[in-house]
Amino acid sequence: MSMRRPLKSLGQNFLVDRNIIERIIACAALGPDDAVLEIGPGRGALTEHLVRRAGRVVLVEFDHALAAELHNRYADDARVTVVDGDVLAIDLAALLGGIREKGWKVVANLPYNISTPVLFRLMELRGLLSRMLLMLQREVGERLVASPGCADYGVTTLLLGLWFDMRREIIVSPGCFHPRPKIDSAVLSFVTRLEPRAEVGDEELFRRLVKAAFGQRRKTLANCLKNAELLAAEQVPPLLESCGIDGRRRGETLTIDEFAALSRELTRLRL
């Protein structure tokens, strides 16, 4: 592969540490029956291991030059598909579903600047996915696996936690990349749940409720809900009381089950 300089505009930090690469591949637990989507393969440090172990590999690379190099490299391997495009813009559901209906594994070293939008895009595709192994900015990873009551706990923890069992697998230091980023990274595993962690009623209402609860973290839950206009202000105290939740609490103290109870009751009230 070419050693063209990484493009700062694309947030390119190429993984070069062989030990970390081997640990990621081990965590992916690939076999010949697996189909893998790699987002942002870059120079292909992980790709060669994925191709060696999996039965089907789809590579989505935004950098046109690197996509062309990957296409040339795997032109004779029918098991490998290279897509030159933006993972946030292409029709991933059609792409993956046209090859295999479900059970995809995802492996990716996500650029920091698009990691959260990509996470939510992948959540939309959860019906096609069985497991993901994603390298993220450590700060983002800490938020995803945070517990109620701590500063890292928030919207992404709850929305992604509804559909995935998430666990931190590896901490990756800046020296494992070229060029070196200024911060640590973390590899997280995401196992897709067949059913949501809790019944929430209307899932769009659940999302709006969670975002409202964290919209002004220093305000009480009652005030956040009144400001969010999810229902009339006078309905907020009875809603909280019916779920056994003290409105003086802050959103960051609620468990996913408590948010789910609020969402179910809110769904009932809005029917």
C-alpha atoms as a PDB file:
ATOM      1  CA  MET A   1       0.000   0.000   0.000  1.00  0.00           C
ATOM      2  CA  SER A   2       1.048   3.604  -0.575  1.00  0.00           C
ATOM      3  CA  MET A   3       2.705   5.511   2.217  1.00  0.00           C
ATOM      4  CA  ARG A   4       1.088   8.802   1.163  1.00  0.00           C
ATOM      5  CA  ARG A   5       0.900  11.205   4.077  1.00  0.00           C
ATOM      6  CA  PRO A   6      -2.302  10.942   6.173  1.00  0.00           C
ATOM      7  CA  LEU A   7      -4.812  13.684   5.514  1.00  0.00           C
ATOM      8  CA  LYS A   8      -5.539  15.799   8.575  1.00  0.00           C
ATOM      9  CA  SER A   9      -8.773  17.016   6.972  1.00  0.00           C
ATOM     10  CA  LEU A  10     -10.106  13.445   7.078  1.00  0.00           C
ATOM     11  CA  GLY A  11      -8.953  12.798  10.623  1.00  0.00           C
ATOM     12  CA  GLN A  12      -6.629  10.046   9.422  1.00  0.00           C
ATOM     13  CA  ASN A  13      -4.576   8.335  12.117  1.00  0.00           C
ATOM     14  CA  PHE A  14      -3.381   4.983  10.823  1.00  0.00           C
ATOM     15  CA  LEU A  15      -2.979   2.110  13.270  1.00  0.00           C
ATOM     16  CA  VAL A  16       0.570   0.744  13.011  1.00  0.00           C
ATOM     17  CA  ASP A  17       1.122  -1.232  16.234  1.00  0.00           C
ATOM     18  CA  ARG A  18       1.129  -4.954  15.395  1.00  0.00           C
ATOM     19  CA  ASN A  19       0.332  -6.034  18.931  1.00  0.00           C
ATOM     20  CA  ILE A  20      -2.822  -3.909  19.029  1.00  0.00           C
ATOM     21  CA  ILE A  21      -3.815  -5.124  15.573  1.00  0.00           C
ATOM     22  CA  GLU A  22      -3.502  -8.741  16.711  1.00  0.00           C
ATOM     23  CA  ARG A  23      -5.531  -8.044  19.858  1.00  0.00           C
ATOM     24  CA  ILE A  24      -8.314  -6.414  17.825  1.00  0.00           C
ATOM     25  CA  ILE A  25      -8.432  -9.348  15.427  1.00  0.00           C
ATOM     26  CA  ALA A  26      -8.547 -11.775  18.373  1.00  0.00           C
ATOM     27  CA  CYS A  27     -11.480  -9.844  19.876  1.00  0.00           C
ATOM     28  CA  ALA A  28     -13.312  -9.981  16.546  1.00  0.00           C
ATOM     29  CA  ALA A  29     -13.250 -13.805  16.764  1.00  0.00           C
ATOM     30  CA  LEU A  30     -13.634 -14.274  13.014  1.00  0.00           C
ATOM     31  CA  GLY A  31     -14.238 -17.496  11.152  1.00  0.00           C
ATOM     32  CA  PRO A  32     -14.777 -18.524   7.504  1.00  0.00           C
ATOM     33  CA  ASP A  33     -18.561 -18.182   7.867  1.00  0.00           C
ATOM     34  CA  ASP A  34     -18.342 -14.547   8.974  1.00  0.00           C
ATOM     35  CA  ALA A  35     -19.104 -11.487   6.869  1.00  0.00           C
ATOM     36  CA  VAL A  36     -17.286  -8.320   7.925  1.00  0.00           C
ATOM     37  CA  LEU A  37     -17.784  -4.638   7.219  1.00  0.00           C
ATOM     38  CA  GLU A  38     -14.677  -2.518   7.765  1.00  0.00           C
ATOM     39  CA  ILE A  39     -15.246   1.226   7.861  1.00  0.00           C
ATOM     40  CA  GLY A  40     -12.216   3.348   7.046  1.00  0.00           C
ATOM     41  CA  PRO A  41      -9.684   0.608   6.266  1.00  0.00           C
ATOM     42  CA  GLY A  42      -7.065   3.209   5.327  1.00  0.00           C
ATOM     43  CA  ARG A  43      -3.827   1.464   4.374  1.00  0.00           C
ATOM     44  CA  GLY A  44      -5.272  -1.938   5.221  1.00  0.00           C
ATOM     45  CA  ALA A  45      -3.434  -2.824   8.437  1.00  0.00           C
ATOM     46  CA  LEU A  46      -6.520  -4.600   9.792  1.00  0.00           C
ATOM     47  CA  THR A  47      -7.901  -5.497   6.388  1.00  0.00           C
ATOM     48  CA  GLU A  48      -5.324  -8.138   5.513  1.00  0.00           C
ATOM     49  CA  HIS A  49      -6.178 -10.040   8.706  1.00  0.00           C
ATOM     50  CA  LEU A  50      -9.928  -9.731   8.104  1.00  0.00           C
ATOM     51  CA  VAL A  51      -9.602 -11.028   4.558  1.00  0.00           C
ATOM     52  CA  ARG A  52      -7.462 -13.923   5.747  1.00  0.00           C
ATOM     53  CA  ARG A  53     -10.007 -15.054   8.343  1.00  0.00           C
ATOM     54  CA  ALA A  54     -13.503 -14.070   7.174  1.00  0.00           C
ATOM     55  CA  GLY A  55     -15.558 -15.457   4.326  1.00  0.00           C
ATOM     56  CA  ARG A  56     -16.799 -12.080   3.066  1.00  0.00           C
ATOM     57  CA  VAL A  57     -15.406  -8.576   3.538  1.00  0.00           C
ATOM     58  CA  VAL A  58     -16.846  -5.196   2.549  1.00  0.00           C
ATOM     59  CA  LEU A  59     -14.545  -2.169   2.808  1.00  0.00           C
ATOM     60  CA  VAL A  60     -15.920   1.385   2.856  1.00  0.00           C
ATOM     61  CA  GLU A  61     -13.206   4.002   2.373  1.00  0.00           C
ATOM     62  CA  PHE A  62     -13.825   7.741   1.986  1.00  0.00           C
ATOM     63  CA  ASP A  63     -10.308   8.583   0.755  1.00  0.00           C
ATOM     64  CA  HIS A  64     -10.482   8.067  -3.018  1.00  0.00           C
ATOM     65  CA  ALA A  65      -6.788   7.312  -3.432  1.00  0.00           C
ATOM     66  CA  LEU A  66      -6.768   4.700  -0.667  1.00  0.00           C
ATOM     67  CA  ALA A  67      -9.996   3.168  -1.961  1.00  0.00           C
ATOM     68  CA  ALA A  68      -8.389   2.788  -5.402  1.00  0.00           C
ATOM     69  CA  GLU A  69      -5.339   1.114  -3.873  1.00  0.00           C
ATOM     70  CA  LEU A  70      -7.525  -1.307  -1.908  1.00  0.00           C
ATOM     71  CA  HIS A  71      -9.529  -2.073  -5.035  1.00  0.00           C
ATOM     72  CA  ASN A  72      -6.351  -2.896  -6.938  1.00  0.00           C
ATOM     73  CA  ARG A  73      -5.019  -4.964  -4.071  1.00  0.00           C
ATOM     74  CA  TYR A  74      -8.116  -7.169  -3.853  1.00  0.00           C
ATOM     75  CA  ALA A  75      -9.260  -7.035  -7.481  1.00  0.00           C
ATOM     76  CA  ASP A  76      -8.770 -10.781  -7.871  1.00  0.00           C
ATOM     77  CA  ASP A  77     -10.533 -11.747  -4.640  1.00  0.00           C
ATOM     78  CA  ALA A  78     -14.288 -12.141  -5.213  1.00  0.00           C
ATOM     79  CA  ARG A  79     -14.859 -12.246  -1.468  1.00  0.00           C
ATOM     80  CA  VAL A  80     -13.820  -8.608  -1.075  1.00  0.00           C
ATOM     81  CA  THR A  81     -15.918  -5.584  -2.081  1.00  0.00           C
ATOM     82  CA  VAL A  82     -14.362  -2.112  -1.954  1.00  0.00           C
ATOM     83  CA  VAL A  83     -16.730   0.857  -1.785  1.00  0.00           C
ATOM     84  CA  ASP A  84     -15.318   4.314  -2.468  1.00  0.00           C
ATOM     85  CA  GLY A  85     -17.710   6.499  -0.501  1.00  0.00           C
ATOM     86  CA  ASP A  86     -18.866   8.218   2.650  1.00  0.00           C
ATOM     87  CA  VAL A  87     -20.227   5.750   5.216  1.00  0.00           C
ATOM     88  CA  LEU A  88     -22.703   8.422   6.339  1.00  0.00           C
ATOM     89  CA  ALA A  89     -24.066   8.888   2.814  1.00  0.00           C
ATOM     90  CA  ILE A  90     -24.115   5.491   1.115  1.00  0.00           C
ATOM     91  CA  ASP A  91     -27.064   3.093   1.448  1.00  0.00           C
ATOM     92  CA  LEU A  92     -25.466   0.606   3.831  1.00  0.00           C
ATOM     93  CA  ALA A  93     -28.693  -1.333   4.339  1.00  0.00           C
ATOM     94  CA  ALA A  94     -28.992  -2.019   0.607  1.00  0.00           C
ATOM     95  CA  LEU A  95     -25.276  -2.769   0.292  1.00  0.00           C
ATOM     96  CA  LEU A  96     -25.091  -5.268   3.138  1.00  0.00           C
ATOM     97  CA  GLY A  97     -28.577  -6.682   2.720  1.00  0.00           C
ATOM     98  CA  GLY A  98     -27.882  -7.339  -0.949  1.00  0.00           C
ATOM     99  CA  ILE A  99     -24.941  -9.529   0.019  1.00  0.00           C
ATOM    100  CA  ARG A 100     -26.177 -11.114   3.227  1.00  0.00           C
ATOM    101  CA  GLU A 101     -29.360 -10.460   5.164  1.00  0.00           C
ATOM    102  CA  LYS A 102     -27.956 -10.455   8.704  1.00  0.00           C
ATOM    103  CA  GLY A 103     -25.139 -11.470  11.009  1.00  0.00           C
ATOM    104  CA  TRP A 104     -22.568  -8.937   9.828  1.00  0.00           C
ATOM    105  CA  LYS A 105     -19.630  -8.073  12.042  1.00  0.00           C
ATOM    106  CA  VAL A 106     -18.246  -4.545  11.906  1.00  0.00           C
ATOM    107  CA  VAL A 107     -14.606  -3.657  12.523  1.00  0.00           C
ATOM    108  CA  ALA A 108     -13.542  -0.033  12.344  1.00  0.00           C
ATOM    109  CA  ASN A 109     -10.983   2.509  13.470  1.00  0.00           C
ATOM    110  CA  LEU A 110     -13.393   5.428  13.288  1.00  0.00           C
ATOM    111  CA  PRO A 111     -12.183   8.973  12.612  1.00  0.00           C
ATOM    112  CA  TYR A 112     -12.838  10.986  15.778  1.00  0.00           C
ATOM    113  CA  ASN A 113     -14.735  13.694  13.906  1.00  0.00           C
ATOM    114  CA  ILE A 114     -17.525  11.367  12.701  1.00  0.00           C
ATOM    115  CA  SER A 115     -17.578   8.645  15.347  1.00  0.00           C
ATOM    116  CA  THR A 116     -20.875   9.595  17.000  1.00  0.00           C
ATOM    117  CA  PRO A 117     -22.865   9.973  13.738  1.00  0.00           C
ATOM    118  CA  VAL A 118     -21.459   6.626  12.559  1.00  0.00           C
ATOM    119  CA  LEU A 119     -22.485   4.965  15.830  1.00  0.00           C
ATOM    120  CA  PHE A 120     -26.064   6.103  15.397  1.00  0.00           C
ATOM    121  CA  ARG A 121     -26.043   5.103  11.729  1.00  0.00           C
ATOM    122  CA  LEU A 122     -24.930   1.607  12.716  1.00  0.00           C
ATOM    123  CA  MET A 123     -27.607   1.461  15.405  1.00  0.00           C
ATOM    124  CA  GLU A 124     -30.190   1.986  12.668  1.00  0.00           C
ATOM    125  CA  LEU A 125     -28.742  -1.082  10.903  1.00  0.00           C
ATOM    126  CA  ARG A 126     -28.730  -3.284  14.023  1.00  0.00           C
ATOM    127  CA  GLY A 127     -31.029  -5.845  12.402  1.00  0.00           C
ATOM    128  CA  LEU A 128     -28.193  -6.696  10.007  1.00  0.00           C
ATOM    129  CA  LEU A 129     -25.440  -6.751  12.625  1.00  0.00           C
ATOM    130  CA  SER A 130     -24.370  -9.336  15.185  1.00  0.00           C
ATOM    131  CA  ARG A 131     -21.270  -7.717  16.664  1.00  0.00           C
ATOM    132  CA  MET A 132     -19.117  -4.624  16.279  1.00  0.00           C
ATOM    133  CA  LEU A 133     -15.569  -3.890  17.329  1.00  0.00           C
ATOM    134  CA  LEU A 134     -14.924  -0.168  17.111  1.00  0.00           C
ATOM    135  CA  MET A 135     -11.937   2.005  17.919  1.00  0.00           C
ATOM    136  CA  LEU A 136     -13.077   5.340  19.306  1.00  0.00           C
ATOM    137  CA  GLN A 137     -11.699   8.346  21.084  1.00  0.00           C
ATOM    138  CA  ARG A 138     -11.297   7.152  24.681  1.00  0.00           C
ATOM    139  CA  GLU A 139     -13.581   9.910  25.944  1.00  0.00           C
ATOM    140  CA  VAL A 140     -16.376   8.679  23.690  1.00  0.00           C
ATOM    141  CA  GLY A 141     -15.783   5.093  24.781  1.00  0.00           C
ATOM    142  CA  GLU A 142     -15.971   6.058  28.445  1.00  0.00           C
ATOM    143  CA  ARG A 143     -19.340   7.712  27.856  1.00  0.00           C
ATOM    144  CA  LEU A 144     -20.733   4.614  26.200  1.00  0.00           C
ATOM    145  CA  VAL A 145     -19.921   2.272  29.090  1.00  0.00           C
ATOM    146  CA  ALA A 146     -20.598   4.776  31.900  1.00  0.00           C
ATOM    147  CA  SER A 147     -22.884   4.040  34.856  1.00  0.00           C
ATOM    148  CA  PRO A 148     -25.690   6.267  36.164  1.00  0.00           C
ATOM    149  CA  GLY A 149     -24.536   9.048  38.443  1.00  0.00           C
ATOM    150  CA  CYS A 150     -21.192   9.799  36.806  1.00  0.00           C
ATOM    151  CA  ALA A 151     -20.312  12.704  34.545  1.00  0.00           C
ATOM    152  CA  ASP A 152     -19.692  10.489  31.492  1.00  0.00           C
ATOM    153  CA  TYR A 153     -23.201   8.996  31.622  1.00  0.00           C
ATOM    154  CA  GLY A 154     -25.450  10.547  29.019  1.00  0.00           C
ATOM    155  CA  VAL A 155     -27.459  10.364  25.823  1.00  0.00           C
ATOM    156  CA  THR A 156     -25.191   7.989  23.888  1.00  0.00           C
ATOM    157  CA  THR A 157     -24.927   5.651  26.899  1.00  0.00           C
ATOM    158  CA  LEU A 158     -28.690   5.209  26.988  1.00  0.00           C
ATOM    159  CA  LEU A 159     -29.631   5.271  23.310  1.00  0.00           C
ATOM    160  CA  LEU A 160     -26.945   2.799  22.247  1.00  0.00           C
ATOM    161  CA  GLY A 161     -27.260   0.813  25.477  1.00  0.00           C
ATOM    162  CA  LEU A 162     -30.882   0.110  24.615  1.00  0.00           C
ATOM    163  CA  TRP A 163     -29.820  -2.106  21.711  1.00  0.00           C
ATOM    164  CA  PHE A 164     -26.212  -3.139  22.379  1.00  0.00           C
ATOM    165  CA  ASP A 165     -24.271  -4.813  25.160  1.00  0.00           C
ATOM    166  CA  MET A 166     -21.139  -2.659  25.223  1.00  0.00           C
ATOM    167  CA  ARG A 167     -17.781  -3.401  26.807  1.00  0.00           C
ATOM    168  CA  ARG A 168     -14.391  -1.747  26.722  1.00  0.00           C
ATOM    169  CA  GLU A 169     -11.820  -4.215  25.400  1.00  0.00           C
ATOM    170  CA  ILE A 170      -8.544  -2.358  24.827  1.00  0.00           C
ATOM    171  CA  ILE A 171      -7.005   1.027  25.639  1.00  0.00           C
ATOM    172  CA  VAL A 172      -4.763   2.229  22.808  1.00  0.00           C
ATOM    173  CA  SER A 173      -2.047   4.822  23.378  1.00  0.00           C
ATOM    174  CA  PRO A 174      -1.176   7.579  20.865  1.00  0.00           C
ATOM    175  CA  GLY A 175       2.121   5.883  20.002  1.00  0.00           C
ATOM    176  CA  CYS A 176       0.234   3.061  18.262  1.00  0.00           C
ATOM    177  CA  PHE A 177      -0.772   5.387  15.407  1.00  0.00           C
ATOM    178  CA  HIS A 178       0.814   7.391  12.636  1.00  0.00           C
ATOM    179  CA  PRO A 179       0.532  10.286  12.966  1.00  0.00           C
ATOM    180  CA  ARG A 180       0.208  10.254  16.744  1.00  0.00           C
ATOM    181  CA  PRO A 181      -3.099  11.660  18.001  1.00  0.00           C
ATOM    182  CA  LYS A 182      -3.025  13.798  21.129  1.00  0.00           C
ATOM    183  CA  ILE A 183      -5.333  11.515  23.119  1.00  0.00           C
ATOM    184  CA  ASP A 184      -5.848   7.861  23.988  1.00  0.00           C
ATOM    185  CA  SER A 185      -8.242   5.647  22.070  1.00  0.00           C
ATOM    186  CA  ALA A 186     -10.374   2.726  23.195  1.00  0.00           C
ATOM    187  CA  VAL A 187     -11.626  -0.393  21.436  1.00  0.00           C
ATOM    188  CA  LEU A 188     -15.174  -1.301  22.426  1.00  0.00           C
ATOM    189  CA  SER A 189     -17.214  -4.367  21.589  1.00  0.00           C
ATOM    190  CA  PHE A 190     -20.918  -4.044  20.810  1.00  0.00           C
ATOM    191  CA  VAL A 191     -23.084  -7.157  20.822  1.00  0.00           C
ATOM    192  CA  THR A 192     -26.493  -6.613  19.237  1.00  0.00           C
ATOM    193  CA  ARG A 193     -29.457  -7.483  21.424  1.00  0.00           C
ATOM    194  CA  LEU A 194     -32.383  -9.386  19.892  1.00  0.00           C
ATOM    195  CA  GLU A 195     -34.754  -7.328  22.063  1.00  0.00           C
ATOM    196  CA  PRO A 196     -34.258  -3.882  23.594  1.00  0.00           C
ATOM    197  CA  ARG A 197     -32.812  -3.800  27.093  1.00  0.00           C
ATOM    198  CA  ALA A 198     -36.102  -2.320  28.302  1.00  0.00           C
ATOM    199  CA  GLU A 199     -39.543  -1.748  26.769  1.00  0.00           C
ATOM    200  CA  VAL A 200     -39.809   1.967  26.043  1.00  0.00           C
ATOM    201  CA  GLY A 201     -43.087   2.318  24.149  1.00  0.00           C
ATOM    202  CA  ASP A 202     -42.554   4.812  21.329  1.00  0.00           C
ATOM    203  CA  GLU A 203     -38.807   4.729  20.661  1.00  0.00           C
ATOM    204  CA  GLU A 204     -38.776   8.207  19.130  1.00  0.00           C
ATOM    205  CA  LEU A 205     -40.369   9.555  22.319  1.00  0.00           C
ATOM    206  CA  PHE A 206     -37.740   7.684  24.334  1.00  0.00           C
ATOM    207  CA  ARG A 207     -34.984   9.421  22.341  1.00  0.00           C
ATOM    208  CA  ARG A 208     -36.578  12.827  22.820  1.00  0.00           C
ATOM    209  CA  LEU A 209     -37.067  12.173  26.528  1.00  0.00           C
ATOM    210  CA  VAL A 210     -33.437  11.161  27.054  1.00  0.00           C
ATOM    211  CA  LYS A 211     -32.122  14.143  25.099  1.00  0.00           C
ATOM    212  CA  ALA A 212     -34.371  16.461  27.076  1.00  0.00           C
ATOM    213  CA  ALA A 213     -33.177  15.036  30.409  1.00  0.00           C
ATOM    214  CA  PHE A 214     -29.547  15.789  29.504  1.00  0.00           C
ATOM    215  CA  GLY A 215     -30.179  19.022  27.624  1.00  0.00           C
ATOM    216  CA  GLN A 216     -29.403  21.067  30.737  1.00  0.00           C
ATOM    217  CA  ARG A 217     -27.520  18.746  33.036  1.00  0.00           C
ATOM    218  CA  ARG A 218     -27.571  21.064  36.050  1.00  0.00           C
ATOM    219  CA  LYS A 219     -31.341  21.393  36.037  1.00  0.00           C
ATOM    220  CA  THR A 220     -33.701  18.978  37.742  1.00  0.00           C
ATOM    221  CA  LEU A 221     -35.460  16.331  35.699  1.00  0.00           C
ATOM    222  CA  ALA A 222     -38.816  18.051  36.256  1.00  0.00           C
ATOM    223  CA  ASN A 223     -37.547  21.361  34.879  1.00  0.00           C
ATOM    224  CA  CYS A 224     -35.867  19.687  31.914  1.00  0.00           C
ATOM    225  CA  LEU A 225     -39.101  17.918  30.974  1.00  0.00           C
ATOM    226  CA  LYS A 226     -41.176  21.092  31.362  1.00  0.00           C
ATOM    227  CA  ASN A 227     -38.798  22.949  29.041  1.00  0.00           C
ATOM    228  CA  ALA A 228     -38.779  20.136  26.468  1.00  0.00           C
ATOM    229  CA  GLU A 229     -42.481  20.502  25.606  1.00  0.00           C
ATOM    230  CA  LEU A 230     -42.993  16.745  25.429  1.00  0.00           C
ATOM    231  CA  LEU A 231     -46.259  17.336  27.280  1.00  0.00           C
ATOM    232  CA  ALA A 232     -47.985  20.176  29.098  1.00  0.00           C
ATOM    233  CA  ALA A 233     -46.019  21.541  32.068  1.00  0.00           C
ATOM    234  CA  GLU A 234     -48.796  20.626  34.500  1.00  0.00           C
ATOM    235  CA  GLN A 235     -48.610  17.003  33.363  1.00  0.00           C
ATOM    236  CA  VAL A 236     -44.945  16.608  34.327  1.00  0.00           C
ATOM    237  CA  PRO A 237     -45.381  16.144  38.120  1.00  0.00           C
ATOM    238  CA  PRO A 238     -48.116  13.469  37.723  1.00  0.00           C
ATOM    239  CA  LEU A 239     -45.980  11.695  35.097  1.00  0.00           C
ATOM    240  CA  LEU A 240     -42.993  11.519  37.439  1.00  0.00           C
ATOM    241  CA  GLU A 241     -45.152  10.528  40.415  1.00  0.00           C
ATOM    242  CA  SER A 242     -46.827   7.698  38.484  1.00  0.00           C
ATOM    243  CA  CYS A 243     -43.349   6.260  37.732  1.00  0.00           C
ATOM    244  CA  GLY A 244     -42.119   6.706  41.306  1.00  0.00           C
ATOM    245  CA  ILE A 245     -39.389   9.146  40.263  1.00  0.00           C
ATOM    246  CA  ASP A 246     -38.474  12.226  42.264  1.00  0.00           C
ATOM    247  CA  GLY A 247     -38.547  15.213  39.899  1.00  0.00           C
ATOM    248  CA  ARG A 248     -35.782  16.891  41.905  1.00  0.00           C
ATOM    249  CA  ARG A 249     -33.309  14.315  40.632  1.00  0.00           C
ATOM    250  CA  ARG A 250     -31.087  15.052  37.653  1.00  0.00           C
ATOM    251  CA  GLY A 251     -31.242  13.019  34.461  1.00  0.00           C
ATOM    252  CA  GLU A 252     -27.775  11.565  34.966  1.00  0.00           C
ATOM    253  CA  THR A 253     -28.996   9.664  38.058  1.00  0.00           C
ATOM    254  CA  LEU A 254     -31.736   7.703  36.266  1.00  0.00           C
ATOM    255  CA  THR A 255     -31.219   4.132  35.119  1.00  0.00           C
ATOM    256  CA  ILE A 256     -32.311   2.955  31.701  1.00  0.00           C
ATOM    257  CA  ASP A 257     -35.249   1.149  33.345  1.00  0.00           C
ATOM    258  CA  GLU A 258     -36.415   4.414  34.915  1.00  0.00           C
ATOM    259  CA  PHE A 259     -36.158   6.225  31.589  1.00  0.00           C
ATOM    260  CA  ALA A 260     -38.045   3.347  29.986  1.00  0.00           C
ATOM    261  CA  ALA A 261     -40.841   3.613  32.581  1.00  0.00           C
ATOM    262  CA  LEU A 262     -41.159   7.339  31.885  1.00  0.00           C
ATOM    263  CA  SER A 263     -41.173   6.705  28.150  1.00  0.00           C
ATOM    264  CA  ARG A 264     -43.891   4.053  28.390  1.00  0.00           C
ATOM    265  CA  GLU A 265     -46.094   6.335  30.454  1.00  0.00           C
ATOM    266  CA  LEU A 266     -45.395   9.267  28.149  1.00  0.00           C
ATOM    267  CA  THR A 267     -46.350   7.096  25.167  1.00  0.00           C
ATOM    268  CA  ARG A 268     -49.613   6.158  26.896  1.00  0.00           C
ATOM    269  CA  LEU A 269     -50.445   9.792  27.654  1.00  0.00           C
ATOM    270  CA  ARG A 270     -49.860  10.858  24.054  1.00  0.00           C
ATOM    271  CA  LEU A 271     -52.005   8.159  22.462  1.00  0.00           C
END
